[in-house]
Amino acid sequence: MKSYSLSRRLFAEALGTAFLLAAVVGSGIMGDQLSGGNIAIALLANAIATGAILVVLILIFGPVSGGHFNPAVTVSFVIQKEIGIGLATAYIIVQCIGAIAGVMAAHVMFGEPLLTSSTTLRTGLGQWTGEFIATFGLIATIIGCVRTRPEVVAYAVGIFITAGYWFTSSTSFANPAVTLARSFTNTFSGINPAHMPLFIVVQLAAAVVVTVVFVWLYKDE
């Protein structure tokens, strides 16, 4: 496999995460505008767009950087000793920067203020449980497919996130960079900044738990 320079890997992570957030926030705004107040239709549009863009992003950027676009995924790969702490730290920094840039791009496209604090309330045991399950399932999907059928990772991730929008109470953020960035949009996909930190804590806890479980599950005897 071709080896890419650090600058290219970091650029791929930043740009990929930016496109992910542009899709998440942009499709949320578009869905909300076109649904006539039907939240289910808006959520469906948001879910399909997010799942679809994830497939594309992993296919085009995966060979360059691994296609993480998600600090929880990067933490999982650190635990698996697939990536060093120094590179992981750099990945997480550019993922967060790219995520916020993606929100800004979506706001420019739809005539929204560049950055605004969300007023959408997302808190409570049900929401936190939803985020734990969403993140656990996402990373389980990645580890399982990487170890058994690596050629389908992109499709499996896109399908899981599309499903996660509907079967988790939190609508499956499952990504600390996404969660951080979505606190800066007071649109359909936003999260109140006061509720954002605990979402991230739960996501990272889930990343640790699922990695330990699935490394054990696939361990060679």
C-alpha atoms as a PDB file:
ATOM      1  CA  MET A   1       0.000   0.000   0.000  1.00  0.00           C
ATOM      2  CA  LYS A   2       1.270   3.475  -0.847  1.00  0.00           C
ATOM      3  CA  SER A   3       2.559   5.511   2.098  1.00  0.00           C
ATOM      4  CA  TYR A   4       1.468   9.138   2.348  1.00  0.00           C
ATOM      5  CA  SER A   5       3.276  12.022   4.051  1.00  0.00           C
ATOM      6  CA  LEU A   6       2.110  13.352   7.398  1.00  0.00           C
ATOM      7  CA  SER A   7       0.881  16.592   5.836  1.00  0.00           C
ATOM      8  CA  ARG A   8      -1.272  14.704   3.332  1.00  0.00           C
ATOM      9  CA  ARG A   9      -2.700  12.438   6.005  1.00  0.00           C
ATOM     10  CA  LEU A  10      -3.619  15.374   8.208  1.00  0.00           C
ATOM     11  CA  PHE A  11      -5.097  17.262   5.255  1.00  0.00           C
ATOM     12  CA  ALA A  12      -7.214  14.212   4.362  1.00  0.00           C
ATOM     13  CA  GLU A  13      -8.544  13.970   7.921  1.00  0.00           C
ATOM     14  CA  ALA A  14      -9.331  17.683   8.076  1.00  0.00           C
ATOM     15  CA  LEU A  15     -10.972  17.873   4.665  1.00  0.00           C
ATOM     16  CA  GLY A  16     -12.897  14.653   5.142  1.00  0.00           C
ATOM     17  CA  THR A  17     -14.260  15.773   8.505  1.00  0.00           C
ATOM     18  CA  ALA A  18     -15.173  19.158   7.020  1.00  0.00           C
ATOM     19  CA  PHE A  19     -17.187  17.493   4.249  1.00  0.00           C
ATOM     20  CA  LEU A  20     -18.841  15.220   6.800  1.00  0.00           C
ATOM     21  CA  LEU A  21     -20.066  18.183   8.859  1.00  0.00           C
ATOM     22  CA  ALA A  22     -21.090  20.144   5.781  1.00  0.00           C
ATOM     23  CA  ALA A  23     -23.262  17.156   4.875  1.00  0.00           C
ATOM     24  CA  VAL A  24     -24.653  16.655   8.381  1.00  0.00           C
ATOM     25  CA  VAL A  25     -25.532  20.297   8.970  1.00  0.00           C
ATOM     26  CA  GLY A  26     -26.396  21.165   5.362  1.00  0.00           C
ATOM     27  CA  SER A  27     -28.750  18.234   4.910  1.00  0.00           C
ATOM     28  CA  GLY A  28     -30.337  19.027   8.265  1.00  0.00           C
ATOM     29  CA  ILE A  29     -31.050  22.572   7.138  1.00  0.00           C
ATOM     30  CA  MET A  30     -32.287  21.480   3.709  1.00  0.00           C
ATOM     31  CA  GLY A  31     -34.446  18.726   5.151  1.00  0.00           C
ATOM     32  CA  ASP A  32     -35.934  21.089   7.697  1.00  0.00           C
ATOM     33  CA  GLN A  33     -36.701  23.685   5.022  1.00  0.00           C
ATOM     34  CA  LEU A  34     -38.318  21.247   2.602  1.00  0.00           C
ATOM     35  CA  SER A  35     -40.187  18.960   5.008  1.00  0.00           C
ATOM     36  CA  GLY A  36     -42.980  21.386   5.811  1.00  0.00           C
ATOM     37  CA  GLY A  37     -42.483  20.866   9.527  1.00  0.00           C
ATOM     38  CA  ASN A  38     -42.460  17.049   9.313  1.00  0.00           C
ATOM     39  CA  ILE A  39     -39.548  16.156  11.586  1.00  0.00           C
ATOM     40  CA  ALA A  40     -39.523  12.518  10.483  1.00  0.00           C
ATOM     41  CA  ILE A  41     -38.929  13.497   6.849  1.00  0.00           C
ATOM     42  CA  ALA A  42     -36.221  15.970   7.876  1.00  0.00           C
ATOM     43  CA  LEU A  43     -34.491  13.285   9.944  1.00  0.00           C
ATOM     44  CA  LEU A  44     -34.727  10.794   7.084  1.00  0.00           C
ATOM     45  CA  ALA A  45     -33.062  13.270   4.718  1.00  0.00           C
ATOM     46  CA  ASN A  46     -30.383  13.997   7.311  1.00  0.00           C
ATOM     47  CA  ALA A  47     -29.708  10.288   7.894  1.00  0.00           C
ATOM     48  CA  ILE A  48     -29.475   9.353   4.213  1.00  0.00           C
ATOM     49  CA  ALA A  49     -27.149  12.247   3.386  1.00  0.00           C
ATOM     50  CA  THR A  50     -24.873  11.492   6.335  1.00  0.00           C
ATOM     51  CA  GLY A  51     -24.638   7.775   5.615  1.00  0.00           C
ATOM     52  CA  ALA A  52     -24.028   8.384   1.923  1.00  0.00           C
ATOM     53  CA  ILE A  53     -21.271  10.958   2.432  1.00  0.00           C
ATOM     54  CA  LEU A  54     -19.505   8.673   4.906  1.00  0.00           C
ATOM     55  CA  VAL A  55     -19.259   5.940   2.283  1.00  0.00           C
ATOM     56  CA  VAL A  56     -17.756   8.370  -0.230  1.00  0.00           C
ATOM     57  CA  LEU A  57     -15.350   9.969   2.242  1.00  0.00           C
ATOM     58  CA  ILE A  58     -13.995   6.656   3.518  1.00  0.00           C
ATOM     59  CA  LEU A  59     -13.533   5.386  -0.039  1.00  0.00           C
ATOM     60  CA  ILE A  60     -11.570   8.424  -1.217  1.00  0.00           C
ATOM     61  CA  PHE A  61      -9.647   9.376   1.937  1.00  0.00           C
ATOM     62  CA  GLY A  62      -9.304   5.958   3.583  1.00  0.00           C
ATOM     63  CA  PRO A  63      -6.236   4.988   1.506  1.00  0.00           C
ATOM     64  CA  VAL A  64      -4.523   8.243   2.533  1.00  0.00           C
ATOM     65  CA  SER A  65      -5.225   8.619   6.258  1.00  0.00           C
ATOM     66  CA  GLY A  66      -7.348   5.635   7.218  1.00  0.00           C
ATOM     67  CA  GLY A  67     -10.513   7.707   6.965  1.00  0.00           C
ATOM     68  CA  HIS A  68     -11.124   8.200  10.687  1.00  0.00           C
ATOM     69  CA  PHE A  69     -12.864  11.640  10.720  1.00  0.00           C
ATOM     70  CA  ASN A  70     -13.698  10.819  14.329  1.00  0.00           C
ATOM     71  CA  PRO A  71     -11.622  11.132  17.534  1.00  0.00           C
ATOM     72  CA  ALA A  72     -13.372   8.091  19.020  1.00  0.00           C
ATOM     73  CA  VAL A  73     -12.191   5.992  16.082  1.00  0.00           C
ATOM     74  CA  THR A  74      -8.691   7.409  16.428  1.00  0.00           C
ATOM     75  CA  VAL A  75      -8.650   6.564  20.155  1.00  0.00           C
ATOM     76  CA  SER A  76      -9.731   3.029  19.304  1.00  0.00           C
ATOM     77  CA  PHE A  77      -6.854   2.672  16.870  1.00  0.00           C
ATOM     78  CA  VAL A  78      -4.438   3.930  19.538  1.00  0.00           C
ATOM     79  CA  ILE A  79      -5.670   1.232  21.915  1.00  0.00           C
ATOM     80  CA  GLN A  80      -5.191  -1.328  19.149  1.00  0.00           C
ATOM     81  CA  LYS A  81      -1.650   0.025  18.613  1.00  0.00           C
ATOM     82  CA  GLU A  82      -2.417   0.787  14.991  1.00  0.00           C
ATOM     83  CA  ILE A  83      -1.504   4.467  15.392  1.00  0.00           C
ATOM     84  CA  GLY A  84       0.864   6.300  17.745  1.00  0.00           C
ATOM     85  CA  ILE A  85      -0.233   8.828  20.346  1.00  0.00           C
ATOM     86  CA  GLY A  86       1.560  11.702  18.599  1.00  0.00           C
ATOM     87  CA  LEU A  87      -0.115  11.093  15.261  1.00  0.00           C
ATOM     88  CA  ALA A  88      -3.437  10.433  16.986  1.00  0.00           C
ATOM     89  CA  THR A  89      -3.239  13.787  18.759  1.00  0.00           C
ATOM     90  CA  ALA A  90      -2.581  15.521  15.455  1.00  0.00           C
ATOM     91  CA  TYR A  91      -5.495  13.647  13.858  1.00  0.00           C
ATOM     92  CA  ILE A  92      -7.884  14.715  16.620  1.00  0.00           C
ATOM     93  CA  ILE A  93      -6.828  18.362  16.379  1.00  0.00           C
ATOM     94  CA  VAL A  94      -7.360  18.552  12.607  1.00  0.00           C
ATOM     95  CA  GLN A  95     -10.610  16.579  12.860  1.00  0.00           C
ATOM     96  CA  CYS A  96     -12.015  19.187  15.259  1.00  0.00           C
ATOM     97  CA  ILE A  97     -10.787  22.073  13.112  1.00  0.00           C
ATOM     98  CA  GLY A  98     -12.202  20.468   9.982  1.00  0.00           C
ATOM     99  CA  ALA A  99     -15.518  19.792  11.698  1.00  0.00           C
ATOM    100  CA  ILE A 100     -15.999  23.424  12.661  1.00  0.00           C
ATOM    101  CA  ALA A 101     -14.956  24.519   9.161  1.00  0.00           C
ATOM    102  CA  GLY A 102     -17.610  22.186   7.741  1.00  0.00           C
ATOM    103  CA  VAL A 103     -20.295  23.772   9.903  1.00  0.00           C
ATOM    104  CA  MET A 104     -19.195  27.208   8.722  1.00  0.00           C
ATOM    105  CA  ALA A 105     -19.348  26.073   5.081  1.00  0.00           C
ATOM    106  CA  ALA A 106     -22.895  24.783   5.558  1.00  0.00           C
ATOM    107  CA  HIS A 107     -23.931  28.043   7.199  1.00  0.00           C
ATOM    108  CA  VAL A 108     -22.504  30.067   4.315  1.00  0.00           C
ATOM    109  CA  MET A 109     -24.356  27.903   1.775  1.00  0.00           C
ATOM    110  CA  PHE A 110     -27.699  28.338   3.525  1.00  0.00           C
ATOM    111  CA  GLY A 111     -27.360  31.964   4.604  1.00  0.00           C
ATOM    112  CA  GLU A 112     -27.001  31.236   8.312  1.00  0.00           C
ATOM    113  CA  PRO A 113     -24.722  33.152  10.716  1.00  0.00           C
ATOM    114  CA  LEU A 114     -21.189  31.792  10.469  1.00  0.00           C
ATOM    115  CA  LEU A 115     -21.235  30.219  13.951  1.00  0.00           C
ATOM    116  CA  THR A 116     -24.075  30.229  16.486  1.00  0.00           C
ATOM    117  CA  SER A 117     -24.672  28.427  19.769  1.00  0.00           C
ATOM    118  CA  SER A 118     -27.309  25.729  19.520  1.00  0.00           C
ATOM    119  CA  THR A 119     -30.380  25.823  21.734  1.00  0.00           C
ATOM    120  CA  THR A 120     -31.353  22.192  21.015  1.00  0.00           C
ATOM    121  CA  LEU A 121     -31.579  20.231  24.258  1.00  0.00           C
ATOM    122  CA  ARG A 122     -29.948  16.805  24.161  1.00  0.00           C
ATOM    123  CA  THR A 123     -29.404  15.459  27.672  1.00  0.00           C
ATOM    124  CA  GLY A 124     -30.550  12.786  30.099  1.00  0.00           C
ATOM    125  CA  LEU A 125     -29.967   9.088  30.659  1.00  0.00           C
ATOM    126  CA  GLY A 126     -31.789   8.062  27.483  1.00  0.00           C
ATOM    127  CA  GLN A 127     -29.678  10.342  25.289  1.00  0.00           C
ATOM    128  CA  TRP A 128     -26.418   9.296  26.962  1.00  0.00           C
ATOM    129  CA  THR A 129     -27.330   5.636  26.605  1.00  0.00           C
ATOM    130  CA  GLY A 130     -28.125   6.255  22.949  1.00  0.00           C
ATOM    131  CA  GLU A 131     -24.696   7.795  22.417  1.00  0.00           C
ATOM    132  CA  PHE A 132     -22.950   4.929  24.157  1.00  0.00           C
ATOM    133  CA  ILE A 133     -24.755   2.384  21.995  1.00  0.00           C
ATOM    134  CA  ALA A 134     -24.220   4.419  18.827  1.00  0.00           C
ATOM    135  CA  THR A 135     -20.485   4.780  19.390  1.00  0.00           C
ATOM    136  CA  PHE A 136     -20.113   1.165  20.522  1.00  0.00           C
ATOM    137  CA  GLY A 137     -21.904  -0.024  17.393  1.00  0.00           C
ATOM    138  CA  LEU A 138     -19.965   2.216  15.036  1.00  0.00           C
ATOM    139  CA  ILE A 139     -16.560   1.120  16.290  1.00  0.00           C
ATOM    140  CA  ALA A 140     -17.683  -2.506  16.489  1.00  0.00           C
ATOM    141  CA  THR A 141     -18.616  -2.204  12.815  1.00  0.00           C
ATOM    142  CA  ILE A 142     -15.199  -0.798  11.957  1.00  0.00           C
ATOM    143  CA  ILE A 143     -13.165  -3.323  13.946  1.00  0.00           C
ATOM    144  CA  GLY A 144     -15.251  -6.259  12.764  1.00  0.00           C
ATOM    145  CA  CYS A 145     -15.060  -5.308   9.102  1.00  0.00           C
ATOM    146  CA  VAL A 146     -11.374  -4.326   9.182  1.00  0.00           C
ATOM    147  CA  ARG A 147     -10.520  -7.731  10.605  1.00  0.00           C
ATOM    148  CA  THR A 148     -12.803  -9.835   8.439  1.00  0.00           C
ATOM    149  CA  ARG A 149     -13.872  -7.931   5.285  1.00  0.00           C
ATOM    150  CA  PRO A 150     -11.880  -4.684   4.950  1.00  0.00           C
ATOM    151  CA  GLU A 151     -13.250  -4.009   1.480  1.00  0.00           C
ATOM    152  CA  VAL A 152     -16.723  -3.306   2.905  1.00  0.00           C
ATOM    153  CA  VAL A 153     -15.782  -0.953   5.751  1.00  0.00           C
ATOM    154  CA  ALA A 154     -17.006   2.191   3.972  1.00  0.00           C
ATOM    155  CA  TYR A 155     -20.386   0.711   3.138  1.00  0.00           C
ATOM    156  CA  ALA A 156     -20.873  -0.846   6.574  1.00  0.00           C
ATOM    157  CA  VAL A 157     -20.080   2.424   8.348  1.00  0.00           C
ATOM    158  CA  GLY A 158     -22.474   4.381   6.137  1.00  0.00           C
ATOM    159  CA  ILE A 159     -25.246   1.858   6.676  1.00  0.00           C
ATOM    160  CA  PHE A 160     -24.718   1.730  10.440  1.00  0.00           C
ATOM    161  CA  ILE A 161     -24.850   5.510  10.839  1.00  0.00           C
ATOM    162  CA  THR A 162     -27.957   5.734   8.657  1.00  0.00           C
ATOM    163  CA  ALA A 163     -29.620   3.131  10.878  1.00  0.00           C
ATOM    164  CA  GLY A 164     -28.271   4.768  14.023  1.00  0.00           C
ATOM    165  CA  TYR A 165     -30.087   8.009  13.263  1.00  0.00           C
ATOM    166  CA  TRP A 166     -33.295   6.029  13.713  1.00  0.00           C
ATOM    167  CA  PHE A 167     -32.714   3.400  16.372  1.00  0.00           C
ATOM    168  CA  THR A 168     -30.802   5.515  18.921  1.00  0.00           C
ATOM    169  CA  SER A 169     -32.466   8.149  21.076  1.00  0.00           C
ATOM    170  CA  SER A 170     -29.639  10.603  20.407  1.00  0.00           C
ATOM    171  CA  THR A 171     -29.756  10.198  16.595  1.00  0.00           C
ATOM    172  CA  SER A 172     -26.254   8.715  16.671  1.00  0.00           C
ATOM    173  CA  PHE A 173     -23.663  11.478  16.881  1.00  0.00           C
ATOM    174  CA  ALA A 174     -21.037   8.822  17.777  1.00  0.00           C
ATOM    175  CA  ASN A 175     -18.198  11.272  17.115  1.00  0.00           C
ATOM    176  CA  PRO A 176     -16.631  13.854  19.481  1.00  0.00           C
ATOM    177  CA  ALA A 177     -15.550  16.169  16.637  1.00  0.00           C
ATOM    178  CA  VAL A 178     -19.059  16.089  15.172  1.00  0.00           C
ATOM    179  CA  THR A 179     -20.532  16.740  18.611  1.00  0.00           C
ATOM    180  CA  LEU A 180     -18.233  19.707  19.225  1.00  0.00           C
ATOM    181  CA  ALA A 181     -18.990  21.232  15.828  1.00  0.00           C
ATOM    182  CA  ARG A 182     -22.739  20.707  16.088  1.00  0.00           C
ATOM    183  CA  SER A 183     -22.784  22.851  19.229  1.00  0.00           C
ATOM    184  CA  PHE A 184     -21.980  25.760  16.884  1.00  0.00           C
ATOM    185  CA  THR A 185     -25.100  25.450  14.733  1.00  0.00           C
ATOM    186  CA  ASN A 186     -28.523  26.548  15.897  1.00  0.00           C
ATOM    187  CA  THR A 187     -30.205  24.504  13.184  1.00  0.00           C
ATOM    188  CA  PHE A 188     -31.869  21.090  12.900  1.00  0.00           C
ATOM    189  CA  SER A 189     -28.717  19.118  13.773  1.00  0.00           C
ATOM    190  CA  GLY A 190     -27.473  21.243  16.690  1.00  0.00           C
ATOM    191  CA  ILE A 191     -26.731  20.358  20.295  1.00  0.00           C
ATOM    192  CA  ASN A 192     -26.753  22.783  23.203  1.00  0.00           C
ATOM    193  CA  PRO A 193     -23.111  23.571  24.152  1.00  0.00           C
ATOM    194  CA  ALA A 194     -23.880  22.803  27.801  1.00  0.00           C
ATOM    195  CA  HIS A 195     -24.880  19.250  26.822  1.00  0.00           C
ATOM    196  CA  MET A 196     -21.980  18.660  24.440  1.00  0.00           C
ATOM    197  CA  PRO A 197     -19.216  17.717  26.958  1.00  0.00           C
ATOM    198  CA  LEU A 198     -21.057  14.769  28.504  1.00  0.00           C
ATOM    199  CA  PHE A 199     -21.922  13.432  25.046  1.00  0.00           C
ATOM    200  CA  ILE A 200     -18.193  13.420  24.279  1.00  0.00           C
ATOM    201  CA  VAL A 201     -17.315  11.714  27.563  1.00  0.00           C
ATOM    202  CA  VAL A 202     -19.838   8.952  26.851  1.00  0.00           C
ATOM    203  CA  GLN A 203     -18.561   8.541  23.274  1.00  0.00           C
ATOM    204  CA  LEU A 204     -14.941   8.167  24.402  1.00  0.00           C
ATOM    205  CA  ALA A 205     -15.935   5.741  27.169  1.00  0.00           C
ATOM    206  CA  ALA A 206     -17.802   3.646  24.619  1.00  0.00           C
ATOM    207  CA  ALA A 207     -14.765   3.717  22.311  1.00  0.00           C
ATOM    208  CA  VAL A 208     -12.588   2.241  25.049  1.00  0.00           C
ATOM    209  CA  VAL A 209     -15.100  -0.431  26.071  1.00  0.00           C
ATOM    210  CA  VAL A 210     -15.908  -1.605  22.546  1.00  0.00           C
ATOM    211  CA  THR A 211     -12.255  -1.746  21.565  1.00  0.00           C
ATOM    212  CA  VAL A 212     -11.368  -3.944  24.525  1.00  0.00           C
ATOM    213  CA  VAL A 213     -14.340  -6.218  23.849  1.00  0.00           C
ATOM    214  CA  PHE A 214     -13.802  -6.579  20.118  1.00  0.00           C
ATOM    215  CA  VAL A 215     -10.030  -7.008  20.304  1.00  0.00           C
ATOM    216  CA  TRP A 216     -10.762  -9.889  22.660  1.00  0.00           C
ATOM    217  CA  LEU A 217     -13.501 -11.209  20.388  1.00  0.00           C
ATOM    218  CA  TYR A 218     -11.226 -11.361  17.333  1.00  0.00           C
ATOM    219  CA  LYS A 219      -8.078 -12.382  19.179  1.00  0.00           C
ATOM    220  CA  ASP A 220      -6.222 -15.328  17.662  1.00  0.00           C
ATOM    221  CA  GLU A 221      -6.203 -18.309  19.967  1.00  0.00           C
END
